[in-house]
Amino acid sequence: MATPAGFQALPLPLIQLSLAAVLKCGQSFRWSILPFPTPSDLAIPAQEYRLCLRDRVVCLRQSQTALFYRSAFPDPQPSPTQLQLREAETLLWLNDYFQLDVDLSKLYDEWAARDTVFSGVKERFGGIRMLRQDPWENLISNTPLRCSLHDPSGHETHTYHPFPPPSVLAAPSVTATLRSLGFGYRAGYIQKTAQILVDAHGTTEAGREPSELWLESLRGLATAGARAELLKLMGVGRKVADCILLMSLDKKEVIPVDTHVHQIAIKHYGFKGSLKGKSPMTPKLYEDVNSKLVNVWGDYAGWAHSVLFTSDLKSFASYGVQDHTPSSPLKGSKRSRVESLLPTPPTTPLPSPSKRKASSVPLESSNEPDTLAERVKRLRRK
């Protein structure tokens, strides 16, 4: 596949990163997926994935062998020299966000050697790695501030929303605003958590806020110490804390345990319990399941768990399964045979628009949950 116009190419095989899986398996819900018309010589539609950062929208596409990226900026547009520097910043961000310094293929081989269950899903669910998300964004979730982006056809402009800093969500009026947007009782938790952080660490006029930097500094603590700090925050329990530890704070061995993970342990790893009923998640049960699975997968147990978790989701039931329905791509087209192997994001139902009254980004905000705890709940099997 040729590099799309306006994009930069980063050589990266699907076995190291599958956007269709990683960006739809419950780690992050702020990515938009923009489909494009399917060329006659392609067996699948093309997708572009977009995420709004503080000062730019990052746009990604993927082939079997490369990740394509570009950045879009609000006006005034950067000069050619500035644009080159900013694209270099985007590449640094991509390497950090997707943790591309970690050889995922090697980890898959190690997990498969340790675990026959993992060996059975290794090929079909390749390329699932842990994102390294911003800790503040992982703690809280929603939408103000705007920048616009023209779609590649040049006919539409979409409005994108970067994540609000703590000082914005700490304002007393935020609770009522979030309730009007359908957040219910969580509105108070969000505002109070932001207020606690701002009161403890202060604010700043520009750049990242002190409380954001403090959350990021927890990466330097041991797992137990970082968890203890997170548990002091409003509305944060053990599972949410462990999600943040794994997905934002570099604690690669941590496994967030819920009923779904418990059932995986019962079904595949000889853990005692019933698959029919939901056992109460006591602290002892949580620790026992965690210890069992860490013993199976080792130092990167949290990463391995995300692969098994994804493979067990109903929304991924057809993921990676080749469609053998006869098709009629252009005769002799090597491109069609290669591109047909590229996985597409699973289809997941979106919540009713009536549940969110505010005007929203068409491609982005309609499927964004309220909190990290809600993220996993939305993906659990019925």
Protein backbone atom coordinates (compact mmCIF):
# COMPACT_ATOMS: atom_id res chain seq x y z
CA MET A 1 0.00 0.00 0.00
CA ALA A 2 1.41 3.38 -1.02
CA THR A 3 1.75 6.12 1.59
CA PRO A 4 -1.47 8.20 1.53
CA ALA A 5 -1.09 11.82 0.46
CA GLY A 6 -0.08 14.07 3.36
CA PHE A 7 0.92 11.16 5.62
CA GLN A 8 4.27 9.97 6.95
CA ALA A 9 5.06 6.23 6.97
CA LEU A 10 6.46 4.30 9.94
CA PRO A 11 7.48 0.71 9.08
CA LEU A 12 5.50 -1.43 11.52
CA PRO A 13 3.98 -4.87 10.85
CA LEU A 14 0.50 -5.76 12.08
CA ILE A 15 1.96 -8.33 14.43
CA GLN A 16 3.42 -5.42 16.41
CA LEU A 17 0.30 -3.22 16.36
CA SER A 18 -3.26 -3.76 15.15
CA LEU A 19 -5.18 -0.49 15.38
CA ALA A 20 -8.45 -2.32 14.69
CA ALA A 21 -8.01 -4.29 17.92
CA VAL A 22 -6.07 -1.98 20.23
CA LEU A 23 -8.31 1.05 19.71
CA LYS A 24 -11.55 -0.93 20.13
CA CYS A 25 -10.83 -3.34 23.00
CA GLY A 26 -11.71 -1.09 25.92
CA GLN A 27 -8.46 0.69 26.64
CA SER A 28 -9.41 4.05 25.12
CA PHE A 29 -12.72 5.38 23.86
CA ARG A 30 -11.69 8.76 22.48
CA TRP A 31 -10.50 7.57 19.09
CA SER A 32 -12.75 8.29 16.13
CA ILE A 33 -12.97 5.83 13.27
CA LEU A 34 -13.59 7.44 9.91
CA PRO A 35 -14.43 4.98 7.10
CA PHE A 36 -13.54 5.70 3.50
CA PRO A 37 -15.16 4.42 0.30
CA THR A 38 -13.82 1.02 -0.63
CA PRO A 39 -11.77 1.09 -3.84
CA SER A 40 -12.83 -1.56 -6.33
CA ASP A 41 -9.56 -3.45 -5.87
CA LEU A 42 -9.82 -3.68 -2.07
CA ALA A 43 -11.72 -6.41 -0.27
CA ILE A 44 -12.29 -4.25 2.82
CA PRO A 45 -13.00 -0.58 3.51
CA ALA A 46 -10.17 1.66 4.64
CA GLN A 47 -10.29 3.35 8.03
CA GLU A 48 -8.67 6.44 9.48
CA TYR A 49 -8.32 6.70 13.25
CA ARG A 50 -8.29 10.16 14.84
CA LEU A 51 -7.54 11.46 18.32
CA CYS A 52 -7.58 15.08 19.47
CA LEU A 53 -4.64 16.04 21.66
CA ARG A 54 -4.21 19.43 23.30
CA ASP A 55 -2.88 21.18 20.20
CA ARG A 56 -3.50 18.82 17.28
CA VAL A 57 -5.55 15.98 15.86
CA VAL A 58 -3.50 12.86 15.19
CA CYS A 59 -4.69 10.85 12.17
CA LEU A 60 -3.62 7.24 11.61
CA ARG A 61 -4.03 4.66 8.88
CA GLN A 62 -2.47 1.23 8.58
CA SER A 63 -1.34 -1.36 6.07
CA GLN A 64 0.09 -4.84 6.59
CA THR A 65 3.58 -3.40 6.97
CA ALA A 66 3.31 0.26 7.97
CA LEU A 67 1.61 2.79 10.20
CA PHE A 68 0.75 6.05 8.42
CA TYR A 69 0.38 9.23 10.46
CA ARG A 70 -0.25 12.92 10.04
CA SER A 71 -1.27 15.81 12.27
CA ALA A 72 -3.91 18.47 11.70
CA PHE A 73 -3.66 21.81 13.50
CA PRO A 74 -6.12 24.61 14.25
CA ASP A 75 -5.54 27.93 12.50
CA PRO A 76 -3.19 29.65 12.07
CA GLN A 77 -1.48 26.79 10.25
CA PRO A 78 2.22 26.14 10.98
CA SER A 79 4.82 27.02 8.38
CA PRO A 80 6.44 24.14 6.45
CA THR A 81 9.42 24.21 8.81
CA GLN A 82 7.20 24.26 11.89
CA LEU A 83 5.07 21.47 10.43
CA GLN A 84 8.12 19.26 10.02
CA LEU A 85 9.07 19.81 13.66
CA ARG A 86 5.53 19.13 14.84
CA GLU A 87 5.29 15.91 12.85
CA ALA A 88 8.51 14.85 14.57
CA GLU A 89 6.73 15.54 17.89
CA THR A 90 3.80 13.42 16.73
CA LEU A 91 6.14 10.54 15.95
CA LEU A 92 7.64 10.77 19.44
CA TRP A 93 4.14 10.76 20.89
CA LEU A 94 3.17 7.68 18.83
CA ASN A 95 6.22 5.77 20.02
CA ASP A 96 5.38 6.63 23.62
CA TYR A 97 1.60 6.12 23.40
CA PHE A 98 1.84 2.72 21.70
CA GLN A 99 5.01 1.74 23.62
CA LEU A 100 6.68 0.74 20.38
CA ASP A 101 9.98 0.08 22.15
CA VAL A 102 8.43 -3.16 23.43
CA ASP A 103 8.81 -6.12 21.04
CA LEU A 104 5.26 -7.48 21.10
CA SER A 105 6.04 -10.45 18.86
CA LYS A 106 8.64 -11.65 21.35
CA LEU A 107 6.16 -11.30 24.22
CA TYR A 108 3.53 -13.28 22.30
CA ASP A 109 6.06 -16.09 21.79
CA GLU A 110 6.91 -16.07 25.50
CA TRP A 111 3.25 -16.14 26.58
CA ALA A 112 2.43 -18.92 24.11
CA ALA A 113 5.33 -20.99 25.47
CA ARG A 114 4.01 -20.55 29.02
CA ASP A 115 0.30 -20.92 28.27
CA THR A 116 -1.49 -23.24 25.82
CA VAL A 117 -4.64 -21.11 26.07
CA PHE A 118 -2.74 -18.06 24.87
CA SER A 119 -1.15 -20.15 22.15
CA GLY A 120 -4.64 -20.83 20.80
CA VAL A 121 -5.48 -17.13 20.31
CA LYS A 122 -2.01 -15.88 19.42
CA GLU A 123 -2.37 -15.81 15.64
CA ARG A 124 -5.92 -14.50 15.41
CA PHE A 125 -5.49 -11.74 17.99
CA GLY A 126 -2.03 -10.50 17.12
CA GLY A 127 -0.93 -6.91 17.54
CA ILE A 128 -2.74 -6.13 20.81
CA ARG A 129 -0.44 -4.04 22.97
CA MET A 130 -1.01 -1.86 26.01
CA LEU A 131 -1.48 1.85 25.42
CA ARG A 132 0.43 4.32 27.60
CA GLN A 133 -2.33 6.82 28.20
CA ASP A 134 -2.26 10.13 30.00
CA PRO A 135 -3.02 9.34 33.68
CA TRP A 136 -5.38 12.30 34.11
CA GLU A 137 -7.39 11.33 31.06
CA ASN A 138 -7.51 7.76 32.28
CA LEU A 139 -8.85 8.91 35.64
CA ILE A 140 -11.64 11.06 34.27
CA SER A 141 -13.36 11.34 30.92
CA ASN A 142 -15.24 13.90 28.76
CA THR A 143 -15.11 16.85 26.35
CA PRO A 144 -14.68 20.74 26.10
CA LEU A 145 -12.35 22.91 23.96
CA ARG A 146 -12.33 22.66 20.20
CA CYS A 147 -10.20 22.37 17.12
CA SER A 148 -11.47 21.62 13.62
CA LEU A 149 -10.27 19.24 10.96
CA HIS A 150 -11.16 18.97 7.28
CA ASP A 151 -11.73 15.44 6.08
CA PRO A 152 -9.49 14.15 3.26
CA SER A 153 -12.11 14.85 0.60
CA GLY A 154 -12.10 18.53 1.57
CA HIS A 155 -15.89 18.69 1.81
CA GLU A 156 -16.56 18.47 5.55
CA THR A 157 -15.19 19.96 8.73
CA HIS A 158 -15.44 17.96 11.96
CA THR A 159 -15.08 19.52 15.38
CA TYR A 160 -12.80 17.68 17.82
CA HIS A 161 -12.46 18.06 21.57
CA PRO A 162 -9.22 17.66 23.52
CA PHE A 163 -9.45 16.40 27.06
CA PRO A 164 -10.15 19.11 29.69
CA PRO A 165 -7.47 19.75 32.34
CA PRO A 166 -8.21 19.45 36.08
CA SER A 167 -8.77 23.21 36.58
CA VAL A 168 -11.64 23.17 34.07
CA LEU A 169 -13.44 20.25 35.72
CA ALA A 170 -12.80 21.60 39.24
CA ALA A 171 -15.17 24.55 38.77
CA PRO A 172 -18.28 24.20 41.01
CA SER A 173 -20.58 24.72 38.02
CA VAL A 174 -19.20 21.58 36.34
CA THR A 175 -21.37 19.25 38.43
CA ALA A 176 -24.60 20.72 37.09
CA THR A 177 -23.22 20.85 33.56
CA LEU A 178 -22.18 17.20 33.62
CA ARG A 179 -25.53 16.17 35.07
CA SER A 180 -27.26 17.94 32.19
CA LEU A 181 -25.09 15.86 29.84
CA GLY A 182 -26.29 12.61 31.40
CA PHE A 183 -23.50 11.79 33.85
CA GLY A 184 -25.85 11.38 36.82
CA TYR A 185 -24.21 10.75 40.20
CA ARG A 186 -20.78 10.51 38.54
CA ALA A 187 -20.88 14.25 37.87
CA GLY A 188 -20.13 14.97 41.52
CA TYR A 189 -17.25 12.48 41.61
CA ILE A 190 -15.65 14.06 38.57
CA GLN A 191 -15.86 17.61 39.93
CA LYS A 192 -14.71 16.64 43.42
CA THR A 193 -11.78 14.59 42.15
CA ALA A 194 -10.64 17.50 40.00
CA GLN A 195 -11.08 19.90 42.92
CA ILE A 196 -9.04 17.67 45.25
CA LEU A 197 -6.19 17.57 42.76
CA VAL A 198 -6.27 21.31 42.08
CA ASP A 199 -6.39 22.13 45.81
CA ALA A 200 -3.44 19.84 46.47
CA HIS A 201 -1.25 20.75 43.50
CA GLY A 202 -2.42 24.10 42.15
CA THR A 203 -2.94 25.28 38.57
CA THR A 204 -0.93 27.00 35.87
CA GLU A 205 -1.71 29.49 33.13
CA ALA A 206 -0.22 27.47 30.29
CA GLY A 207 1.01 23.97 29.58
CA ARG A 208 0.30 20.90 31.63
CA GLU A 209 -1.09 21.47 35.11
CA PRO A 210 0.74 20.49 38.32
CA SER A 211 -1.85 17.85 39.20
CA GLU A 212 -1.38 16.21 35.79
CA LEU A 213 2.36 16.14 36.36
CA TRP A 214 1.84 14.70 39.84
CA LEU A 215 -0.27 11.86 38.47
CA GLU A 216 2.40 11.15 35.88
CA SER A 217 5.07 11.14 38.61
CA LEU A 218 3.39 8.06 40.11
CA ARG A 219 5.12 6.10 37.35
CA GLY A 220 8.26 6.40 39.45
CA LEU A 221 6.73 4.73 42.51
CA ALA A 222 6.52 1.02 43.18
CA THR A 223 3.17 -0.53 42.30
CA ALA A 224 1.88 -0.65 45.88
CA GLY A 225 2.80 2.97 46.54
CA ALA A 226 1.25 4.25 43.32
CA ARG A 227 -1.92 2.27 44.00
CA ALA A 228 -2.15 3.70 47.52
CA GLU A 229 -2.03 7.25 46.13
CA LEU A 230 -4.74 6.52 43.56
CA LEU A 231 -7.02 4.97 46.16
CA LYS A 232 -7.07 8.29 48.03
CA LEU A 233 -8.95 9.89 45.12
CA MET A 234 -12.72 10.30 45.00
CA GLY A 235 -14.52 7.31 43.48
CA VAL A 236 -11.38 5.24 42.85
CA GLY A 237 -11.51 1.63 44.01
CA ARG A 238 -9.09 -1.24 43.52
CA LYS A 239 -10.09 -2.13 39.97
CA VAL A 240 -10.09 1.44 38.65
CA ALA A 241 -6.74 2.04 40.35
CA ASP A 242 -5.32 -1.07 38.71
CA CYS A 243 -6.62 0.01 35.30
CA ILE A 244 -4.75 3.30 35.70
CA LEU A 245 -1.63 1.51 36.94
CA LEU A 246 -1.61 -0.78 33.91
CA MET A 247 -2.77 1.61 31.19
CA SER A 248 -1.01 4.80 32.31
CA LEU A 249 1.61 4.21 34.98
CA ASP A 250 3.84 1.50 33.47
CA LYS A 251 2.83 -1.25 35.92
CA LYS A 252 2.88 -3.95 33.26
CA GLU A 253 2.29 -6.83 35.67
CA VAL A 254 -0.99 -5.48 37.08
CA ILE A 255 -4.23 -7.23 36.11
CA PRO A 256 -7.50 -5.35 36.78
CA VAL A 257 -9.89 -8.06 37.96
CA ASP A 258 -13.64 -8.02 37.40
CA THR A 259 -16.32 -10.67 36.88
CA HIS A 260 -15.28 -11.14 33.26
CA VAL A 261 -11.63 -11.74 34.16
CA HIS A 262 -12.74 -14.02 37.01
CA GLN A 263 -14.76 -16.12 34.55
CA ILE A 264 -11.77 -16.34 32.20
CA ALA A 265 -9.74 -17.69 35.13
CA ILE A 266 -12.46 -20.26 35.87
CA LYS A 267 -12.99 -21.31 32.26
CA HIS A 268 -9.36 -21.59 31.18
CA TYR A 269 -7.06 -21.71 34.19
CA GLY A 270 -8.62 -24.12 36.68
CA PHE A 271 -9.78 -21.42 39.08
CA LYS A 272 -12.61 -22.57 41.33
CA GLY A 273 -16.01 -20.96 40.86
CA SER A 274 -19.20 -21.03 38.82
CA LEU A 275 -19.64 -19.67 35.30
CA LYS A 276 -23.39 -19.39 35.78
CA GLY A 277 -23.60 -16.87 38.60
CA LYS A 278 -21.60 -13.75 39.42
CA SER A 279 -19.55 -14.20 42.57
CA PRO A 280 -19.09 -11.08 44.73
CA MET A 281 -15.66 -9.59 44.05
CA THR A 282 -14.17 -9.68 47.54
CA PRO A 283 -10.64 -8.40 48.22
CA LYS A 284 -9.44 -11.98 48.74
CA LEU A 285 -10.99 -13.21 45.48
CA TYR A 286 -9.47 -10.25 43.65
CA GLU A 287 -6.00 -11.04 44.99
CA ASP A 288 -6.35 -14.77 44.30
CA VAL A 289 -7.37 -14.28 40.66
CA ASN A 290 -4.63 -11.68 40.16
CA SER A 291 -1.94 -13.90 41.66
CA LYS A 292 -3.05 -16.91 39.62
CA LEU A 293 -2.87 -15.08 36.29
CA VAL A 294 0.38 -13.27 37.08
CA ASN A 295 1.88 -16.68 37.80
CA VAL A 296 0.71 -17.88 34.37
CA TRP A 297 1.95 -14.94 32.29
CA GLY A 298 4.83 -13.40 34.22
CA ASP A 299 6.19 -9.85 34.22
CA TYR A 300 3.95 -8.56 31.43
CA ALA A 301 0.84 -10.28 32.79
CA GLY A 302 -1.30 -7.16 32.40
CA TRP A 303 -0.47 -7.01 28.69
CA ALA A 304 -1.22 -10.72 28.20
CA HIS A 305 -4.51 -10.37 30.05
CA SER A 306 -5.65 -7.70 27.59
CA VAL A 307 -5.26 -10.17 24.71
CA LEU A 308 -7.30 -12.88 26.45
CA PHE A 309 -9.85 -10.28 27.58
CA THR A 310 -10.27 -9.05 24.01
CA SER A 311 -10.52 -12.56 22.58
CA ASP A 312 -13.40 -13.29 24.96
CA LEU A 313 -15.50 -10.23 24.08
CA LYS A 314 -18.67 -10.78 22.08
CA SER A 315 -17.90 -7.72 19.98
CA PHE A 316 -14.75 -9.50 18.76
CA ALA A 317 -16.48 -12.79 17.93
CA SER A 318 -15.77 -12.40 14.21
CA TYR A 319 -12.50 -10.51 14.54
CA GLY A 320 -9.67 -12.03 12.54
CA VAL A 321 -11.96 -14.60 10.93
CA GLN A 322 -11.46 -14.60 7.17
CA ASP A 323 -14.61 -14.08 5.15
CA HIS A 324 -14.67 -16.76 2.49
CA THR A 325 -17.65 -15.31 0.68
CA PRO A 326 -16.72 -15.07 -3.02
CA SER A 327 -15.86 -11.54 -4.06
CA SER A 328 -14.91 -9.90 -7.31
CA PRO A 329 -11.83 -7.74 -6.83
CA LEU A 330 -9.84 -6.75 -9.88
CA LYS A 331 -8.43 -9.84 -11.50
CA GLY A 332 -4.80 -10.50 -10.69
CA SER A 333 -4.62 -7.70 -8.13
CA LYS A 334 -1.96 -8.53 -5.54
CA ARG A 335 -3.10 -5.54 -3.54
CA SER A 336 -6.56 -6.98 -2.99
CA ARG A 337 -5.16 -10.24 -1.67
CA VAL A 338 -2.80 -8.49 0.74
CA GLU A 339 -5.18 -5.82 1.98
CA SER A 340 -7.96 -8.35 2.58
CA LEU A 341 -5.87 -9.69 5.45
CA LEU A 342 -5.99 -6.36 7.27
CA PRO A 343 -8.46 -6.65 10.18
CA THR A 344 -11.30 -4.18 10.55
CA PRO A 345 -12.65 -2.79 13.83
CA PRO A 346 -15.44 -4.88 15.39
CA THR A 347 -18.94 -3.52 15.12
CA THR A 348 -20.27 -2.35 18.48
CA PRO A 349 -23.63 -0.70 19.16
CA LEU A 350 -23.57 2.97 20.15
CA PRO A 351 -25.62 4.37 23.04
CA SER A 352 -28.77 6.28 22.25
CA PRO A 353 -28.07 9.92 21.27
CA SER A 354 -30.86 11.00 23.61
CA LYS A 355 -28.67 10.06 26.56
CA ARG A 356 -26.26 12.83 25.66
CA LYS A 357 -28.06 16.14 25.07
CA ALA A 358 -25.09 18.33 24.24
CA SER A 359 -23.93 18.88 20.70
CA SER A 360 -21.13 16.42 20.12
CA VAL A 361 -18.43 15.45 17.70
CA PRO A 362 -20.09 13.19 15.10
CA LEU A 363 -17.16 10.82 14.89
CA GLU A 364 -16.00 10.83 18.45
CA SER A 365 -18.08 11.56 21.50
CA SER A 366 -21.21 9.44 21.03
CA ASN A 367 -19.50 6.27 22.23
CA GLU A 368 -17.34 7.76 24.98
CA PRO A 369 -18.15 6.40 28.47
CA ASP A 370 -18.15 8.40 31.67
CA THR A 371 -15.38 6.78 33.66
CA LEU A 372 -12.74 4.13 33.31
CA ALA A 373 -14.87 1.72 35.32
CA GLU A 374 -17.68 2.19 32.81
CA ARG A 375 -15.33 1.41 29.93
CA VAL A 376 -14.90 -2.21 30.87
CA LYS A 377 -18.53 -2.62 31.94
CA ARG A 378 -19.69 -1.66 28.46
CA LEU A 379 -17.60 -4.46 26.98
CA ARG A 380 -18.53 -7.27 29.31
CA ARG A 381 -20.35 -10.22 27.97
CA LYS A 382 -24.05 -10.42 28.79
